[in-house]
Amino acid sequence: MIFFETSKNKIFFLSFLVVISTIFVALVWLKFAPDKQGLKIKAVALISDEVKTQVNDNLQNMQDSFALGTEQIKDLQGEFIQEQKQKALLEVTKKYLAEKQATSTQEKNN
């Protein structure tokens, strides 16, 4: 019958139903759990002080690294803008010198 046949669709459908029903049972259990706050307190109490300090140190290091990265990005943006201004100034200077040379050669020919 249907239960004795092997089919990928049937296995996929069965797996899907198992996942959905497991999620449903977990959500209902969490909704009607008698002492949610007690569960949280027990979970936090199981964490040792050393682990808490390590986690806090790691979080502080990440925040410091992020702040340093933002400062470096700001510095690089400033350098990039400065470089763009220098390139624009160089182009204007080249154009001015080319025009000056062209006018000076015209004056010599006249």
PDB file of N, CA and C in Angstrom:
ATOM      1  N   MET A   1       0.824  -1.167   0.000  1.00  0.00           N
ATOM      2  CA  MET A   1       0.000   0.000   0.000  1.00  0.00           C
ATOM      3  C   MET A   1       0.882   1.249   0.000  1.00  0.00           C
ATOM      4  N   ILE A   2       0.321   2.364   0.367  1.00  0.00           N
ATOM      5  CA  ILE A   2       1.049   3.627   0.293  1.00  0.00           C
ATOM      6  C   ILE A   2       2.231   3.630   1.263  1.00  0.00           C
ATOM      7  N   PHE A   3       2.083   3.036   2.442  1.00  0.00           N
ATOM      8  CA  PHE A   3       3.138   3.071   3.445  1.00  0.00           C
ATOM      9  C   PHE A   3       4.351   2.233   3.053  1.00  0.00           C
ATOM     10  N   PHE A   4       4.156   1.250   2.194  1.00  0.00           N
ATOM     11  CA  PHE A   4       5.251   0.370   1.829  1.00  0.00           C
ATOM     12  C   PHE A   4       5.980   0.809   0.570  1.00  0.00           C
ATOM     13  N   GLU A   5       5.495   1.848  -0.089  1.00  0.00           N
ATOM     14  CA  GLU A   5       6.148   2.366  -1.286  1.00  0.00           C
ATOM     15  C   GLU A   5       7.184   3.413  -0.867  1.00  0.00           C
ATOM     16  N   THR A   6       8.312   3.440  -1.545  1.00  0.00           N
ATOM     17  CA  THR A   6       9.314   4.468  -1.264  1.00  0.00           C
ATOM     18  C   THR A   6       9.237   5.526  -2.353  1.00  0.00           C
ATOM     19  N   SER A   7       9.035   6.735  -1.923  1.00  0.00           N
ATOM     20  CA  SER A   7       8.915   7.847  -2.859  1.00  0.00           C
ATOM     21  C   SER A   7       9.564   9.067  -2.220  1.00  0.00           C
ATOM     22  N   LYS A   8      10.301   9.820  -3.025  1.00  0.00           N
ATOM     23  CA  LYS A   8      10.965  11.017  -2.485  1.00  0.00           C
ATOM     24  C   LYS A   8       9.936  12.046  -2.042  1.00  0.00           C
ATOM     25  N   ASN A   9       8.854  12.165  -2.775  1.00  0.00           N
ATOM     26  CA  ASN A   9       7.830  13.142  -2.409  1.00  0.00           C
ATOM     27  C   ASN A   9       7.196  12.790  -1.068  1.00  0.00           C
ATOM     28  N   LYS A  10       6.948  11.516  -0.847  1.00  0.00           N
ATOM     29  CA  LYS A  10       6.341  11.088   0.402  1.00  0.00           C
ATOM     30  C   LYS A  10       7.289  11.343   1.571  1.00  0.00           C
ATOM     31  N   ILE A  11       8.564  11.062   1.398  1.00  0.00           N
ATOM     32  CA  ILE A  11       9.543  11.287   2.458  1.00  0.00           C
ATOM     33  C   ILE A  11       9.691  12.778   2.745  1.00  0.00           C
ATOM     34  N   PHE A  12       9.716  13.597   1.706  1.00  0.00           N
ATOM     35  CA  PHE A  12       9.806  15.046   1.887  1.00  0.00           C
ATOM     36  C   PHE A  12       8.577  15.562   2.629  1.00  0.00           C
ATOM     37  N   PHE A  13       7.394  15.116   2.217  1.00  0.00           N
ATOM     38  CA  PHE A  13       6.158  15.551   2.848  1.00  0.00           C
ATOM     39  C   PHE A  13       6.118  15.136   4.313  1.00  0.00           C
ATOM     40  N   LEU A  14       6.534  13.925   4.607  1.00  0.00           N
ATOM     41  CA  LEU A  14       6.569  13.441   5.982  1.00  0.00           C
ATOM     42  C   LEU A  14       7.550  14.256   6.827  1.00  0.00           C
ATOM     43  N   SER A  15       8.726  14.559   6.277  1.00  0.00           N
ATOM     44  CA  SER A  15       9.714  15.377   6.989  1.00  0.00           C
ATOM     45  C   SER A  15       9.166  16.769   7.256  1.00  0.00           C
ATOM     46  N   PHE A  16       8.487  17.322   6.294  1.00  0.00           N
ATOM     47  CA  PHE A  16       7.892  18.648   6.438  1.00  0.00           C
ATOM     48  C   PHE A  16       6.854  18.647   7.561  1.00  0.00           C
ATOM     49  N   LEU A  17       5.998  17.631   7.584  1.00  0.00           N
ATOM     50  CA  LEU A  17       4.984  17.536   8.635  1.00  0.00           C
ATOM     51  C   LEU A  17       5.621  17.357  10.016  1.00  0.00           C
ATOM     52  N   VAL A  18       6.701  16.600  10.106  1.00  0.00           N
ATOM     53  CA  VAL A  18       7.385  16.406  11.387  1.00  0.00           C
ATOM     54  C   VAL A  18       7.955  17.724  11.885  1.00  0.00           C
ATOM     55  N   VAL A  19       8.586  18.492  11.006  1.00  0.00           N
ATOM     56  CA  VAL A  19       9.173  19.780  11.402  1.00  0.00           C
ATOM     57  C   VAL A  19       8.079  20.739  11.851  1.00  0.00           C
ATOM     58  N   ILE A  20       7.006  20.829  11.083  1.00  0.00           N
ATOM     59  CA  ILE A  20       5.907  21.737  11.429  1.00  0.00           C
ATOM     60  C   ILE A  20       5.280  21.344  12.761  1.00  0.00           C
ATOM     61  N   SER A  21       5.033  20.063  12.966  1.00  0.00           N
ATOM     62  CA  SER A  21       4.407  19.636  14.221  1.00  0.00           C
ATOM     63  C   SER A  21       5.343  19.861  15.408  1.00  0.00           C
ATOM     64  N   THR A  22       6.649  19.673  15.222  1.00  0.00           N
ATOM     65  CA  THR A  22       7.608  19.923  16.305  1.00  0.00           C
ATOM     66  C   THR A  22       7.625  21.400  16.679  1.00  0.00           C
ATOM     67  N   ILE A  23       7.620  22.260  15.682  1.00  0.00           N
ATOM     68  CA  ILE A  23       7.587  23.706  15.950  1.00  0.00           C
ATOM     69  C   ILE A  23       6.304  24.079  16.668  1.00  0.00           C
ATOM     70  N   PHE A  24       5.197  23.516  16.234  1.00  0.00           N
ATOM     71  CA  PHE A  24       3.912  23.806  16.866  1.00  0.00           C
ATOM     72  C   PHE A  24       3.918  23.384  18.334  1.00  0.00           C
ATOM     73  N   VAL A  25       4.391  22.188  18.618  1.00  0.00           N
ATOM     74  CA  VAL A  25       4.435  21.694  19.997  1.00  0.00           C
ATOM     75  C   VAL A  25       5.348  22.578  20.842  1.00  0.00           C
ATOM     76  N   ALA A  26       6.500  22.989  20.302  1.00  0.00           N
ATOM     77  CA  ALA A  26       7.420  23.849  21.056  1.00  0.00           C
ATOM     78  C   ALA A  26       6.785  25.205  21.350  1.00  0.00           C
ATOM     79  N   LEU A  27       6.092  25.775  20.377  1.00  0.00           N
ATOM     80  CA  LEU A  27       5.445  27.079  20.597  1.00  0.00           C
ATOM     81  C   LEU A  27       4.339  26.982  21.635  1.00  0.00           C
ATOM     82  N   VAL A  28       3.534  25.935  21.568  1.00  0.00           N
ATOM     83  CA  VAL A  28       2.471  25.764  22.558  1.00  0.00           C
ATOM     84  C   VAL A  28       3.071  25.548  23.938  1.00  0.00           C
ATOM     85  N   TRP A  29       4.144  24.784  24.032  1.00  0.00           N
ATOM     86  CA  TRP A  29       4.782  24.563  25.319  1.00  0.00           C
ATOM     87  C   TRP A  29       5.323  25.865  25.896  1.00  0.00           C
ATOM     88  N   LEU A  30       5.964  26.685  25.036  1.00  0.00           N
ATOM     89  CA  LEU A  30       6.488  27.964  25.524  1.00  0.00           C
ATOM     90  C   LEU A  30       5.369  28.903  25.941  1.00  0.00           C
ATOM     91  N   LYS A  31       4.247  28.858  25.227  1.00  0.00           N
ATOM     92  CA  LYS A  31       3.142  29.752  25.560  1.00  0.00           C
ATOM     93  C   LYS A  31       2.543  29.402  26.915  1.00  0.00           C
ATOM     94  N   PHE A  32       2.417  28.126  27.182  1.00  0.00           N
ATOM     95  CA  PHE A  32       1.773  27.707  28.420  1.00  0.00           C
ATOM     96  C   PHE A  32       2.760  27.250  29.490  1.00  0.00           C
ATOM     97  N   ALA A  33       4.040  27.562  29.315  1.00  0.00           N
ATOM     98  CA  ALA A  33       5.032  27.186  30.327  1.00  0.00           C
ATOM     99  C   ALA A  33       4.716  27.937  31.619  1.00  0.00           C
ATOM    100  N   PRO A  34       4.708  27.257  32.747  1.00  0.00           N
ATOM    101  CA  PRO A  34       4.277  27.895  33.996  1.00  0.00           C
ATOM    102  C   PRO A  34       5.249  28.950  34.519  1.00  0.00           C
ATOM    103  N   ASP A  35       6.535  28.786  34.289  1.00  0.00           N
ATOM    104  CA  ASP A  35       7.494  29.690  34.906  1.00  0.00           C
ATOM    105  C   ASP A  35       8.571  30.066  33.896  1.00  0.00           C
ATOM    106  N   LYS A  36       8.228  30.960  32.967  1.00  0.00           N
ATOM    107  CA  LYS A  36       9.199  31.367  31.945  1.00  0.00           C
ATOM    108  C   LYS A  36      10.374  32.114  32.569  1.00  0.00           C
ATOM    109  N   GLN A  37      10.079  33.004  33.501  1.00  0.00           N
ATOM    110  CA  GLN A  37      11.144  33.790  34.126  1.00  0.00           C
ATOM    111  C   GLN A  37      12.073  32.881  34.919  1.00  0.00           C
ATOM    112  N   GLY A  38      11.516  31.888  35.562  1.00  0.00           N
ATOM    113  CA  GLY A  38      12.333  30.945  36.320  1.00  0.00           C
ATOM    114  C   GLY A  38      13.276  30.178  35.415  1.00  0.00           C
ATOM    115  N   LEU A  39      12.813  29.826  34.229  1.00  0.00           N
ATOM    116  CA  LEU A  39      13.680  29.135  33.279  1.00  0.00           C
ATOM    117  C   LEU A  39      14.843  30.024  32.865  1.00  0.00           C
ATOM    118  N   LYS A  40      14.551  31.300  32.636  1.00  0.00           N
ATOM    119  CA  LYS A  40      15.616  32.227  32.243  1.00  0.00           C
ATOM    120  C   LYS A  40      16.631  32.394  33.376  1.00  0.00           C
ATOM    121  N   ILE A  41      16.132  32.530  34.594  1.00  0.00           N
ATOM    122  CA  ILE A  41      17.026  32.719  35.741  1.00  0.00           C
ATOM    123  C   ILE A  41      17.904  31.492  35.933  1.00  0.00           C
ATOM    124  N   LYS A  42      17.324  30.306  35.794  1.00  0.00           N
ATOM    125  CA  LYS A  42      18.101  29.086  35.950  1.00  0.00           C
ATOM    126  C   LYS A  42      19.177  28.986  34.869  1.00  0.00           C
ATOM    127  N   ALA A  43      18.822  29.374  33.648  1.00  0.00           N
ATOM    128  CA  ALA A  43      19.794  29.305  32.562  1.00  0.00           C
ATOM    129  C   ALA A  43      20.944  30.278  32.804  1.00  0.00           C
ATOM    130  N   VAL A  44      20.639  31.464  33.293  1.00  0.00           N
ATOM    131  CA  VAL A  44      21.686  32.452  33.577  1.00  0.00           C
ATOM    132  C   VAL A  44      22.522  32.013  34.771  1.00  0.00           C
ATOM    133  N   ALA A  45      21.889  31.381  35.745  1.00  0.00           N
ATOM    134  CA  ALA A  45      22.614  30.952  36.933  1.00  0.00           C
ATOM    135  C   ALA A  45      23.611  29.850  36.608  1.00  0.00           C
ATOM    136  N   LEU A  46      23.359  29.077  35.565  1.00  0.00           N
ATOM    137  CA  LEU A  46      24.264  28.000  35.199  1.00  0.00           C
ATOM    138  C   LEU A  46      25.551  28.516  34.566  1.00  0.00           C
ATOM    139  N   ILE A  47      25.539  29.750  34.084  1.00  0.00           N
ATOM    140  CA  ILE A  47      26.725  30.329  33.450  1.00  0.00           C
ATOM    141  C   ILE A  47      27.669  30.817  34.543  1.00  0.00           C
ATOM    142  N   SER A  48      28.923  30.416  34.452  1.00  0.00           N
ATOM    143  CA  SER A  48      29.888  30.803  35.488  1.00  0.00           C
ATOM    144  C   SER A  48      30.314  32.263  35.314  1.00  0.00           C
ATOM    145  N   ASP A  49      30.888  32.808  36.380  1.00  0.00           N
ATOM    146  CA  ASP A  49      31.336  34.201  36.346  1.00  0.00           C
ATOM    147  C   ASP A  49      32.478  34.395  35.355  1.00  0.00           C
ATOM    148  N   GLU A  50      33.344  33.409  35.208  1.00  0.00           N
ATOM    149  CA  GLU A  50      34.457  33.514  34.260  1.00  0.00           C
ATOM    150  C   GLU A  50      33.937  33.636  32.834  1.00  0.00           C
ATOM    151  N   VAL A  51      32.930  32.838  32.526  1.00  0.00           N
ATOM    152  CA  VAL A  51      32.355  32.885  31.185  1.00  0.00           C
ATOM    153  C   VAL A  51      31.689  34.231  30.955  1.00  0.00           C
ATOM    154  N   LYS A  52      31.007  34.740  31.980  1.00  0.00           N
ATOM    155  CA  LYS A  52      30.361  36.048  31.854  1.00  0.00           C
ATOM    156  C   LYS A  52      31.395  37.137  31.590  1.00  0.00           C
ATOM    157  N   THR A  53      32.518  37.110  32.331  1.00  0.00           N
ATOM    158  CA  THR A  53      33.544  38.129  32.116  1.00  0.00           C
ATOM    159  C   THR A  53      34.185  37.976  30.743  1.00  0.00           C
ATOM    160  N   GLN A  54      34.386  36.726  30.297  1.00  0.00           N
ATOM    161  CA  GLN A  54      34.945  36.516  28.952  1.00  0.00           C
ATOM    162  C   GLN A  54      34.006  37.053  27.890  1.00  0.00           C
ATOM    163  N   VAL A  55      32.718  36.798  28.055  1.00  0.00           N
ATOM    164  CA  VAL A  55      31.737  37.286  27.081  1.00  0.00           C
ATOM    165  C   VAL A  55      31.724  38.815  27.083  1.00  0.00           C
ATOM    166  N   ASN A  56      31.754  39.409  28.271  1.00  0.00           N
ATOM    167  CA  ASN A  56      31.772  40.872  28.357  1.00  0.00           C
ATOM    168  C   ASN A  56      33.042  41.443  27.731  1.00  0.00           C
ATOM    169  N   ASP A  57      34.178  40.787  27.986  1.00  0.00           N
ATOM    170  CA  ASP A  57      35.435  41.245  27.384  1.00  0.00           C
ATOM    171  C   ASP A  57      35.383  41.129  25.868  1.00  0.00           C
ATOM    172  N   ASN A  58      34.847  40.018  25.378  1.00  0.00           N
ATOM    173  CA  ASN A  58      34.741  39.838  23.931  1.00  0.00           C
ATOM    174  C   ASN A  58      33.817  40.872  23.304  1.00  0.00           C
ATOM    175  N   LEU A  59      32.708  41.166  23.979  1.00  0.00           N
ATOM    176  CA  LEU A  59      31.798  42.192  23.467  1.00  0.00           C
ATOM    177  C   LEU A  59      32.472  43.561  23.454  1.00  0.00           C
ATOM    178  N   GLN A  60      33.220  43.856  24.503  1.00  0.00           N
ATOM    179  CA  GLN A  60      33.928  45.141  24.558  1.00  0.00           C
ATOM    180  C   GLN A  60      34.982  45.224  23.450  1.00  0.00           C
ATOM    181  N   ASN A  61      35.699  44.126  23.221  1.00  0.00           N
ATOM    182  CA  ASN A  61      36.691  44.097  22.137  1.00  0.00           C
ATOM    183  C   ASN A  61      36.029  44.308  20.787  1.00  0.00           C
ATOM    184  N   MET A  62      34.856  43.693  20.596  1.00  0.00           N
ATOM    185  CA  MET A  62      34.146  43.871  19.327  1.00  0.00           C
ATOM    186  C   MET A  62      33.699  45.312  19.153  1.00  0.00           C
ATOM    187  N   GLN A  63      33.203  45.928  20.220  1.00  0.00           N
ATOM    188  CA  GLN A  63      32.782  47.324  20.142  1.00  0.00           C
ATOM    189  C   GLN A  63      33.970  48.235  19.848  1.00  0.00           C
ATOM    190  N   ASP A  64      35.104  47.963  20.505  1.00  0.00           N
ATOM    191  CA  ASP A  64      36.301  48.766  20.259  1.00  0.00           C
ATOM    192  C   ASP A  64      36.787  48.598  18.818  1.00  0.00           C
ATOM    193  N   SER A  65      36.749  47.371  18.329  1.00  0.00           N
ATOM    194  CA  SER A  65      37.175  47.118  16.949  1.00  0.00           C
ATOM    195  C   SER A  65      36.254  47.827  15.964  1.00  0.00           C
ATOM    196  N   PHE A  66      34.968  47.802  16.247  1.00  0.00           N
ATOM    197  CA  PHE A  66      34.014  48.480  15.375  1.00  0.00           C
ATOM    198  C   PHE A  66      34.257  49.983  15.378  1.00  0.00           C
ATOM    199  N   ALA A  67      34.492  50.554  16.558  1.00  0.00           N
ATOM    200  CA  ALA A  67      34.763  51.993  16.654  1.00  0.00           C
ATOM    201  C   ALA A  67      36.050  52.341  15.910  1.00  0.00           C
ATOM    202  N   LEU A  68      37.078  51.514  16.062  1.00  0.00           N
ATOM    203  CA  LEU A  68      38.341  51.743  15.363  1.00  0.00           C
ATOM    204  C   LEU A  68      38.139  51.653  13.853  1.00  0.00           C
ATOM    205  N   GLY A  69      37.346  50.681  13.427  1.00  0.00           N
ATOM    206  CA  GLY A  69      37.065  50.535  11.998  1.00  0.00           C
ATOM    207  C   GLY A  69      36.342  51.743  11.429  1.00  0.00           C
ATOM    208  N   THR A  70      35.388  52.288  12.168  1.00  0.00           N
ATOM    209  CA  THR A  70      34.670  53.470  11.681  1.00  0.00           C
ATOM    210  C   THR A  70      35.613  54.670  11.604  1.00  0.00           C
ATOM    211  N   GLU A  71      36.501  54.800  12.574  1.00  0.00           N
ATOM    212  CA  GLU A  71      37.473  55.903  12.529  1.00  0.00           C
ATOM    213  C   GLU A  71      38.409  55.750  11.331  1.00  0.00           C
ATOM    214  N   GLN A  72      38.852  54.529  11.070  1.00  0.00           N
ATOM    215  CA  GLN A  72      39.726  54.295   9.917  1.00  0.00           C
ATOM    216  C   GLN A  72      38.998  54.593   8.607  1.00  0.00           C
ATOM    217  N   ILE A  73      37.727  54.246   8.548  1.00  0.00           N
ATOM    218  CA  ILE A  73      36.949  54.538   7.340  1.00  0.00           C
ATOM    219  C   ILE A  73      36.827  56.044   7.147  1.00  0.00           C
ATOM    220  N   LYS A  74      36.597  56.776   8.228  1.00  0.00           N
ATOM    221  CA  LYS A  74      36.512  58.238   8.128  1.00  0.00           C
ATOM    222  C   LYS A  74      37.838  58.822   7.635  1.00  0.00           C
ATOM    223  N   ASP A  75      38.956  58.302   8.171  1.00  0.00           N
ATOM    224  CA  ASP A  75      40.267  58.777   7.737  1.00  0.00           C
ATOM    225  C   ASP A  75      40.494  58.475   6.259  1.00  0.00           C
ATOM    226  N   LEU A  76      40.135  57.276   5.841  1.00  0.00           N
ATOM    227  CA  LEU A  76      40.306  56.908   4.432  1.00  0.00           C
ATOM    228  C   LEU A  76      39.423  57.753   3.523  1.00  0.00           C
ATOM    229  N   GLN A  77      38.229  58.070   3.974  1.00  0.00           N
ATOM    230  CA  GLN A  77      37.360  58.939   3.184  1.00  0.00           C
ATOM    231  C   GLN A  77      37.989  60.323   3.031  1.00  0.00           C
ATOM    232  N   GLY A  78      38.568  60.837   4.111  1.00  0.00           N
ATOM    233  CA  GLY A  78      39.230  62.133   4.043  1.00  0.00           C
ATOM    234  C   GLY A  78      40.418  62.107   3.092  1.00  0.00           C
ATOM    235  N   GLU A  79      41.205  61.043   3.157  1.00  0.00           N
ATOM    236  CA  GLU A  79      42.343  60.908   2.244  1.00  0.00           C
ATOM    237  C   GLU A  79      41.874  60.795   0.791  1.00  0.00           C
ATOM    238  N   PHE A  80      40.785  60.073   0.578  1.00  0.00           N
ATOM    239  CA  PHE A  80      40.260  59.912  -0.772  1.00  0.00           C
ATOM    240  C   PHE A  80      39.791  61.249  -1.335  1.00  0.00           C
ATOM    241  N   ILE A  81      39.102  62.017  -0.513  1.00  0.00           N
ATOM    242  CA  ILE A  81      38.631  63.337  -0.961  1.00  0.00           C
ATOM    243  C   ILE A  81      39.822  64.239  -1.262  1.00  0.00           C
ATOM    244  N   GLN A  82      40.836  64.199  -0.415  1.00  0.00           N
ATOM    245  CA  GLN A  82      42.047  65.000  -0.645  1.00  0.00           C
ATOM    246  C   GLN A  82      42.722  64.600  -1.956  1.00  0.00           C
ATOM    247  N   GLU A  83      42.803  63.306  -2.208  1.00  0.00           N
ATOM    248  CA  GLU A  83      43.420  62.821  -3.435  1.00  0.00           C
ATOM    249  C   GLU A  83      42.616  63.252  -4.660  1.00  0.00           C
ATOM    250  N   GLN A  84      41.297  63.221  -4.556  1.00  0.00           N
ATOM    251  CA  GLN A  84      40.460  63.653  -5.670  1.00  0.00           C
ATOM    252  C   GLN A  84      40.666  65.149  -5.951  1.00  0.00           C
ATOM    253  N   LYS A  85      40.773  65.940  -4.892  1.00  0.00           N
ATOM    254  CA  LYS A  85      41.016  67.373  -5.066  1.00  0.00           C
ATOM    255  C   LYS A  85      42.377  67.618  -5.715  1.00  0.00           C
ATOM    256  N   GLN A  86      43.388  66.840  -5.299  1.00  0.00           N
ATOM    257  CA  GLN A  86      44.716  66.992  -5.897  1.00  0.00           C
ATOM    258  C   GLN A  86      44.704  66.622  -7.373  1.00  0.00           C
ATOM    259  N   LYS A  87      43.980  65.562  -7.731  1.00  0.00           N
ATOM    260  CA  LYS A  87      43.883  65.180  -9.141  1.00  0.00           C
ATOM    261  C   LYS A  87      43.194  66.261  -9.961  1.00  0.00           C
ATOM    262  N   ALA A  88      42.118  66.828  -9.410  1.00  0.00           N
ATOM    263  CA  ALA A  88      41.406  67.895 -10.117  1.00  0.00           C
ATOM    264  C   ALA A  88      42.317  69.105 -10.286  1.00  0.00           C
ATOM    265  N   LEU A  89      43.063  69.454  -9.244  1.00  0.00           N
ATOM    266  CA  LEU A  89      43.984  70.587  -9.325  1.00  0.00           C
ATOM    267  C   LEU A  89      45.078  70.325 -10.350  1.00  0.00           C
ATOM    268  N   LEU A  90      45.598  69.106 -10.394  1.00  0.00           N
ATOM    269  CA  LEU A  90      46.620  68.737 -11.374  1.00  0.00           C
ATOM    270  C   LEU A  90      46.079  68.863 -12.797  1.00  0.00           C
ATOM    271  N   GLU A  91      44.849  68.424 -13.023  1.00  0.00           N
ATOM    272  CA  GLU A  91      44.247  68.528 -14.362  1.00  0.00           C
ATOM    273  C   GLU A  91      44.075  69.987 -14.768  1.00  0.00           C
ATOM    274  N   VAL A  92      43.619  70.818 -13.836  1.00  0.00           N
ATOM    275  CA  VAL A  92      43.440  72.242 -14.137  1.00  0.00           C
ATOM    276  C   VAL A  92      44.797  72.878 -14.439  1.00  0.00           C
ATOM    277  N   THR A  93      45.817  72.499 -13.678  1.00  0.00           N
ATOM    278  CA  THR A  93      47.160  73.044 -13.896  1.00  0.00           C
ATOM    279  C   THR A  93      47.702  72.622 -15.256  1.00  0.00           C
ATOM    280  N   LYS A  94      47.520  71.360 -15.626  1.00  0.00           N
ATOM    281  CA  LYS A  94      47.971  70.904 -16.945  1.00  0.00           C
ATOM    282  C   LYS A  94      47.261  71.658 -18.056  1.00  0.00           C
ATOM    283  N   LYS A  95      45.961  71.840 -17.877  1.00  0.00           N
ATOM    284  CA  LYS A  95      45.188  72.568 -18.899  1.00  0.00           C
ATOM    285  C   LYS A  95      45.667  74.017 -18.998  1.00  0.00           C
ATOM    286  N   TYR A  96      45.936  74.649 -17.867  1.00  0.00           N
ATOM    287  CA  TYR A  96      46.410  76.031 -17.855  1.00  0.00           C
ATOM    288  C   TYR A  96      47.777  76.135 -18.533  1.00  0.00           C
ATOM    289  N   LEU A  97      48.680  75.197 -18.200  1.00  0.00           N
ATOM    290  CA  LEU A  97      50.016  75.239 -18.805  1.00  0.00           C
ATOM    291  C   LEU A  97      49.954  74.986 -20.307  1.00  0.00           C
ATOM    292  N   ALA A  98      49.073  74.095 -20.739  1.00  0.00           N
ATOM    293  CA  ALA A  98      48.928  73.826 -22.167  1.00  0.00           C
ATOM    294  C   ALA A  98      48.416  75.067 -22.886  1.00  0.00           C
ATOM    295  N   GLU A  99      47.456  75.753 -22.317  1.00  0.00           N
ATOM    296  CA  GLU A  99      46.934  76.977 -22.922  1.00  0.00           C
ATOM    297  C   GLU A  99      47.990  78.075 -22.918  1.00  0.00           C
ATOM    298  N   LYS A 100      48.728  78.195 -21.837  1.00  0.00           N
ATOM    299  CA  LYS A 100      49.778  79.210 -21.730  1.00  0.00           C
ATOM    300  C   LYS A 100      50.862  78.962 -22.781  1.00  0.00           C
ATOM    301  N   GLN A 101      51.229  77.678 -22.955  1.00  0.00           N
ATOM    302  CA  GLN A 101      52.245  77.349 -23.947  1.00  0.00           C
ATOM    303  C   GLN A 101      51.718  77.623 -25.353  1.00  0.00           C
ATOM    304  N   ALA A 102      50.455  77.323 -25.593  1.00  0.00           N
ATOM    305  CA  ALA A 102      49.877  77.572 -26.916  1.00  0.00           C
ATOM    306  C   ALA A 102      49.832  79.063 -27.212  1.00  0.00           C
ATOM    307  N   THR A 103      49.490  79.889 -26.262  1.00  0.00           N
ATOM    308  CA  THR A 103      49.446  81.341 -26.489  1.00  0.00           C
ATOM    309  C   THR A 103      50.846  81.922 -26.638  1.00  0.00           C
ATOM    310  N   SER A 104      51.815  81.373 -25.915  1.00  0.00           N
ATOM    311  CA  SER A 104      53.179  81.901 -26.034  1.00  0.00           C
ATOM    312  C   SER A 104      53.777  81.550 -27.388  1.00  0.00           C
ATOM    313  N   THR A 105      53.450  80.367 -27.920  1.00  0.00           N
ATOM    314  CA  THR A 105      53.984  80.002 -29.249  1.00  0.00           C
ATOM    315  C   THR A 105      53.300  80.833 -30.322  1.00  0.00           C
ATOM    316  N   GLN A 106      52.046  81.193 -30.109  1.00  0.00           N
ATOM    317  CA  GLN A 106      51.343  82.037 -31.081  1.00  0.00           C
ATOM    318  C   GLN A 106      51.940  83.453 -31.090  1.00  0.00           C
ATOM    319  N   GLU A 107      52.318  83.963 -29.922  1.00  0.00           N
ATOM    320  CA  GLU A 107      52.892  85.304 -29.842  1.00  0.00           C
ATOM    321  C   GLU A 107      54.277  85.334 -30.492  1.00  0.00           C
ATOM    322  N   LYS A 108      55.012  84.221 -30.370  1.00  0.00           N
ATOM    323  CA  LYS A 108      56.331  84.168 -30.983  1.00  0.00           C
ATOM    324  C   LYS A 108      56.209  84.122 -32.512  1.00  0.00           C
ATOM    325  N   ASN A 109      55.206  83.451 -33.008  1.00  0.00           N
ATOM    326  CA  ASN A 109      55.030  83.351 -34.450  1.00  0.00           C
ATOM    327  C   ASN A 109      54.544  84.661 -35.048  1.00  0.00           C
ATOM    328  N   ASN A 110      53.871  85.459 -34.319  1.00  0.00           N
ATOM    329  CA  ASN A 110      53.345  86.729 -34.851  1.00  0.00           C
ATOM    330  C   ASN A 110      54.379  87.759 -34.808  1.00  0.00           C
TER     331      ASN A 110
END
